[in-house]
Amino acid sequence: MSQSDKTSLSPFPATRWTLIRRVQKGGEEEAARAMEEICRQYWYPIYAFARRGGFSAEDAEDLTQTFFQRLISSETIQAVQQEKGRLRTFMLALLKRVIANHFRREGAEKRGGSRQATLSFHDVQAEDRYIRELADIHDPDTLFDRAWAHGILAAAEKSLRHDYAKAENLDSFEQLRQFLPLGDNATPYADAAKRLGIAEPTLRLQIHRMRKRYGKLIEEAIAETVGSLEEVKEELGHLMAVVGGGAWMATPVT
């Protein structure tokens, strides 16, 4: 077996820290897309951290903009080394430095060229989302991790929906998604099977397969932000601790 064949059998081929590597070493368009993905994944955890840390909605918006402008304009992310571990912990540590140094009101300055991060808080309705957070979560770090975990789950569900759409089976997905973590899981299996016109054992098998694919998509998303398979396992364990349980994971990371 050739080395390339061995590589293709890796559990997470060409995924570990790929977001960082695309920013550091990719062409301009590839780097811009990777930075956009990083912004998409982390803008709300950063905003929520700032709000729970005592910033007003307006100042939290400014801080979030400032964070990404610093990430790009000072080429901070270019200095990130894989051995530093998780992107999640790097982003949180950088955010705390930004807050500690009172970087404020830099959004009007021109930075970053085509890699400039631009967030429209009107479009994403940041404050509407924030006010729905659990009031008993007082620690900004905990809220950051909760928002991060929710983002991972939502991204995996979006990818899963795309898989079903490609298979021209979107109706099944819309019926079954309630049995994923972000669904309400309110319909008895017998009723769900009846709606789909299938036997209940068949429904249970479909849910098992859906959860198995969903779990793999979560692993792949996490793998893009860490440096090793061991860290994938650790981050996955952390995510399950944050969201509570993990029965929806049909198979463990191997």
Protein backbone atom coordinates (compact mmCIF):
# COMPACT_ATOMS: atom_id res chain seq x y z
CA MET A 1 0.00 0.00 0.00
CA SER A 2 1.38 3.40 -0.94
CA GLN A 3 1.79 6.23 1.54
CA SER A 4 -1.00 8.16 -0.18
CA ASP A 5 -3.31 5.15 0.23
CA LYS A 6 -2.46 4.96 3.93
CA THR A 7 -3.22 8.64 4.30
CA SER A 8 -6.62 8.21 2.69
CA LEU A 9 -7.53 5.67 5.38
CA SER A 10 -6.93 8.15 8.21
CA PRO A 11 -10.05 8.71 10.38
CA PHE A 12 -9.87 12.43 9.63
CA PRO A 13 -7.94 12.85 6.36
CA ALA A 14 -6.50 16.33 5.85
CA THR A 15 -8.75 17.91 8.45
CA ARG A 16 -6.77 18.66 11.61
CA TRP A 17 -6.28 22.39 11.97
CA THR A 18 -7.32 22.83 8.35
CA LEU A 19 -9.06 26.13 9.07
CA ILE A 20 -5.83 27.55 10.44
CA ARG A 21 -3.69 26.08 7.68
CA ARG A 22 -5.96 27.54 5.00
CA VAL A 23 -5.54 31.00 6.48
CA GLN A 24 -1.80 30.59 6.94
CA LYS A 25 -0.86 28.90 3.68
CA GLY A 26 -3.83 29.01 1.31
CA GLY A 27 -4.33 31.33 -1.62
CA GLU A 28 -6.14 34.58 -1.05
CA GLU A 29 -9.62 33.25 -1.80
CA GLU A 30 -9.09 30.05 0.19
CA ALA A 31 -7.72 32.01 3.15
CA ALA A 32 -10.65 34.42 3.01
CA ARG A 33 -13.16 31.55 3.02
CA ALA A 34 -11.40 29.89 5.95
CA MET A 35 -11.36 33.12 7.92
CA GLU A 36 -15.04 33.62 7.14
CA GLU A 37 -15.72 30.15 8.55
CA ILE A 38 -13.77 30.94 11.71
CA CYS A 39 -15.77 34.14 12.11
CA ARG A 40 -19.01 32.24 11.54
CA GLN A 41 -18.16 29.66 14.17
CA TYR A 42 -16.91 32.02 16.86
CA TRP A 43 -18.68 35.38 16.57
CA TYR A 44 -21.56 34.42 18.83
CA PRO A 45 -19.51 32.73 21.59
CA ILE A 46 -17.38 35.88 21.69
CA TYR A 47 -20.42 38.17 21.74
CA ALA A 48 -22.09 36.09 24.47
CA PHE A 49 -18.89 36.09 26.55
CA ALA A 50 -18.70 39.87 26.35
CA ARG A 51 -22.37 40.35 27.27
CA ARG A 52 -22.17 37.98 30.23
CA GLY A 53 -18.94 39.69 31.24
CA GLY A 54 -20.81 42.98 31.74
CA PHE A 55 -20.52 44.71 28.37
CA SER A 56 -23.59 46.41 26.92
CA ALA A 57 -25.03 45.07 23.68
CA GLU A 58 -23.41 47.92 21.74
CA ASP A 59 -20.02 47.48 23.41
CA ALA A 60 -20.20 43.69 22.93
CA GLU A 61 -20.72 44.27 19.21
CA ASP A 62 -17.73 46.63 19.13
CA LEU A 63 -15.62 44.15 21.06
CA THR A 64 -16.52 41.28 18.73
CA GLN A 65 -15.65 43.37 15.68
CA THR A 66 -12.41 44.43 17.33
CA PHE A 67 -11.51 40.85 18.15
CA PHE A 68 -11.73 39.69 14.54
CA GLN A 69 -10.02 42.81 13.25
CA ARG A 70 -7.11 42.13 15.57
CA LEU A 71 -7.10 38.47 14.55
CA ILE A 72 -6.68 39.51 10.92
CA SER A 73 -4.94 42.87 10.90
CA SER A 74 -2.16 41.94 13.28
CA GLU A 75 -1.85 38.55 11.57
CA THR A 76 -2.24 36.95 14.98
CA ILE A 77 -3.61 33.78 13.46
CA GLN A 78 -0.55 33.50 11.23
CA ALA A 79 1.52 32.91 14.35
CA VAL A 80 -0.64 30.08 15.68
CA GLN A 81 1.24 26.79 15.98
CA GLN A 82 -0.55 23.45 15.80
CA GLU A 83 1.10 22.23 18.96
CA LYS A 84 -0.79 24.90 20.90
CA GLY A 85 -3.81 22.62 20.69
CA ARG A 86 -7.44 23.61 20.46
CA LEU A 87 -8.67 26.55 18.43
CA ARG A 88 -11.43 27.02 21.03
CA THR A 89 -8.97 27.67 23.85
CA PHE A 90 -6.78 29.86 21.65
CA MET A 91 -9.75 32.05 20.69
CA LEU A 92 -10.89 32.39 24.30
CA ALA A 93 -7.40 33.29 25.49
CA LEU A 94 -7.06 35.91 22.73
CA LEU A 95 -10.47 37.34 23.59
CA LYS A 96 -9.44 37.79 27.22
CA ARG A 97 -6.29 39.59 26.10
CA VAL A 98 -8.34 41.88 23.87
CA ILE A 99 -10.63 42.72 26.78
CA ALA A 100 -7.74 43.16 29.21
CA ASN A 101 -6.03 45.61 26.86
CA HIS A 102 -9.23 47.58 26.25
CA PHE A 103 -9.11 47.43 22.47
CA ARG A 104 -12.12 49.51 21.58
CA ARG A 105 -13.61 51.38 18.65
CA GLU A 106 -11.20 50.19 15.96
CA GLY A 107 -13.92 49.21 13.53
CA ALA A 108 -13.65 52.41 11.50
CA GLU A 109 -10.02 51.77 10.62
CA LYS A 110 -9.21 50.13 7.32
CA ARG A 111 -7.75 46.65 7.75
CA GLY A 112 -7.19 43.31 6.19
CA GLY A 113 -7.99 43.90 2.54
CA SER A 114 -10.11 41.06 1.19
CA ARG A 115 -9.59 39.16 4.44
CA GLN A 116 -11.32 41.77 6.57
CA ALA A 117 -13.97 40.34 8.92
CA THR A 118 -17.31 42.10 8.60
CA LEU A 119 -20.13 41.12 10.91
CA SER A 120 -23.64 42.48 10.57
CA PHE A 121 -25.24 42.19 13.98
CA HIS A 122 -28.54 43.41 12.58
CA ASP A 123 -28.62 40.41 10.25
CA VAL A 124 -27.67 37.83 12.88
CA GLN A 125 -29.86 39.33 15.63
CA ALA A 126 -27.18 38.80 18.24
CA GLU A 127 -29.02 40.34 21.17
CA ASP A 128 -32.24 38.45 20.43
CA ARG A 129 -30.24 35.26 20.62
CA TYR A 130 -28.40 36.31 23.75
CA ILE A 131 -31.51 37.13 25.78
CA ARG A 132 -32.69 33.54 25.29
CA GLU A 133 -29.64 32.19 27.09
CA LEU A 134 -30.10 30.58 30.50
CA ALA A 135 -30.04 33.30 33.13
CA ASP A 136 -28.41 31.03 35.71
CA ILE A 137 -25.22 30.76 33.67
CA HIS A 138 -23.24 33.55 35.30
CA ASP A 139 -19.72 32.59 34.19
CA PRO A 140 -18.75 34.06 30.78
CA ASP A 141 -16.39 31.11 30.13
CA THR A 142 -19.25 28.65 30.60
CA LEU A 143 -21.50 30.61 28.28
CA PHE A 144 -18.72 30.81 25.69
CA ASP A 145 -18.34 27.03 25.75
CA ARG A 146 -22.10 26.52 25.58
CA ALA A 147 -22.36 28.79 22.54
CA TRP A 148 -19.39 27.03 20.94
CA ALA A 149 -20.98 23.62 21.47
CA HIS A 150 -24.32 24.79 20.10
CA GLY A 151 -22.54 26.09 17.02
CA ILE A 152 -20.82 22.73 16.43
CA LEU A 153 -24.14 20.90 16.73
CA ALA A 154 -25.93 23.35 14.44
CA ALA A 155 -23.20 23.11 11.80
CA ALA A 156 -23.31 19.30 11.90
CA GLU A 157 -27.08 19.35 11.55
CA LYS A 158 -26.82 21.70 8.58
CA SER A 159 -24.36 19.34 6.89
CA LEU A 160 -26.61 16.39 7.67
CA ARG A 161 -29.58 18.17 6.14
CA HIS A 162 -27.50 18.76 3.02
CA ASP A 163 -26.74 15.02 2.85
CA TYR A 164 -30.44 14.20 2.98
CA ALA A 165 -31.22 16.84 0.38
CA LYS A 166 -28.61 15.39 -2.00
CA ALA A 167 -30.25 11.99 -1.53
CA GLU A 168 -33.63 13.58 -2.30
CA ASN A 169 -34.86 12.50 1.11
CA LEU A 170 -35.41 15.85 2.77
CA ASP A 171 -38.91 14.97 3.96
CA SER A 172 -37.47 12.17 6.09
CA PHE A 173 -34.89 14.52 7.56
CA GLU A 174 -37.55 17.05 8.56
CA GLN A 175 -39.43 14.28 10.36
CA LEU A 176 -36.35 12.80 12.00
CA ARG A 177 -34.38 15.91 12.98
CA GLN A 178 -36.42 16.24 16.18
CA PHE A 179 -34.48 13.21 17.48
CA LEU A 180 -31.19 15.12 17.23
CA PRO A 181 -29.88 17.24 20.16
CA LEU A 182 -31.31 20.51 18.83
CA GLY A 183 -34.72 18.94 18.21
CA ASP A 184 -37.50 18.70 20.76
CA ASN A 185 -37.78 14.87 20.66
CA ALA A 186 -41.47 15.31 21.41
CA THR A 187 -43.08 12.80 19.04
CA PRO A 188 -43.39 9.14 20.13
CA TYR A 189 -41.60 6.76 17.79
CA ALA A 190 -44.88 5.06 16.87
CA ASP A 191 -46.40 8.37 15.74
CA ALA A 192 -43.29 9.39 13.81
CA ALA A 193 -43.23 6.01 12.05
CA LYS A 194 -46.88 6.39 11.10
CA ARG A 195 -46.25 9.83 9.60
CA LEU A 196 -43.45 8.40 7.48
CA GLY A 197 -45.47 5.36 6.52
CA ILE A 198 -42.91 2.89 7.87
CA ALA A 199 -42.73 0.31 10.65
CA GLU A 200 -41.42 1.44 14.02
CA PRO A 201 -38.35 -0.87 13.89
CA THR A 202 -37.49 0.70 10.52
CA LEU A 203 -37.82 4.16 12.06
CA ARG A 204 -35.49 3.21 14.90
CA LEU A 205 -32.93 1.96 12.39
CA GLN A 206 -33.17 5.20 10.41
CA ILE A 207 -32.68 7.25 13.58
CA HIS A 208 -29.66 5.13 14.52
CA ARG A 209 -28.10 5.70 11.10
CA MET A 210 -28.91 9.40 11.21
CA ARG A 211 -27.28 9.78 14.62
CA LYS A 212 -24.24 7.80 13.49
CA ARG A 213 -23.73 10.13 10.53
CA TYR A 214 -24.43 13.14 12.74
CA GLY A 215 -21.80 12.03 15.22
CA LYS A 216 -19.25 11.64 12.44
CA LEU A 217 -20.00 15.14 11.17
CA ILE A 218 -19.43 16.51 14.67
CA GLU A 219 -16.11 14.71 14.88
CA GLU A 220 -15.06 16.11 11.51
CA ALA A 221 -16.01 19.65 12.55
CA ILE A 222 -14.00 19.36 15.76
CA ALA A 223 -11.07 17.80 13.91
CA GLU A 224 -10.69 20.98 11.87
CA THR A 225 -9.87 22.93 15.03
CA VAL A 226 -7.40 20.72 16.91
CA GLY A 227 -4.00 19.20 16.29
CA SER A 228 -4.41 15.49 17.04
CA LEU A 229 -6.87 12.62 17.26
CA GLU A 230 -6.46 12.60 21.03
CA GLU A 231 -7.59 16.22 21.13
CA VAL A 232 -10.60 15.31 18.99
CA LYS A 233 -11.61 12.84 21.70
CA GLU A 234 -11.02 15.40 24.43
CA GLU A 235 -12.95 18.14 22.67
CA LEU A 236 -15.81 15.75 21.91
CA GLY A 237 -15.92 14.78 25.57
CA HIS A 238 -15.96 18.44 26.53
CA LEU A 239 -18.78 19.15 24.07
CA MET A 240 -20.89 16.32 25.47
CA ALA A 241 -20.26 17.56 29.01
CA VAL A 242 -21.38 21.04 28.00
CA VAL A 243 -24.58 19.98 26.21
CA GLY A 244 -25.35 17.17 28.66
CA GLY A 245 -24.98 13.47 27.99
CA GLY A 246 -24.22 12.04 24.59
CA ALA A 247 -26.70 9.26 23.92
CA TRP A 248 -27.21 10.76 20.46
CA MET A 249 -23.66 9.69 19.58
CA ALA A 250 -24.18 6.31 17.96
CA THR A 251 -20.49 5.45 17.87
CA PRO A 252 -17.44 6.72 19.80
CA VAL A 253 -14.41 8.31 18.21
CA THR A 254 -11.90 5.63 17.29
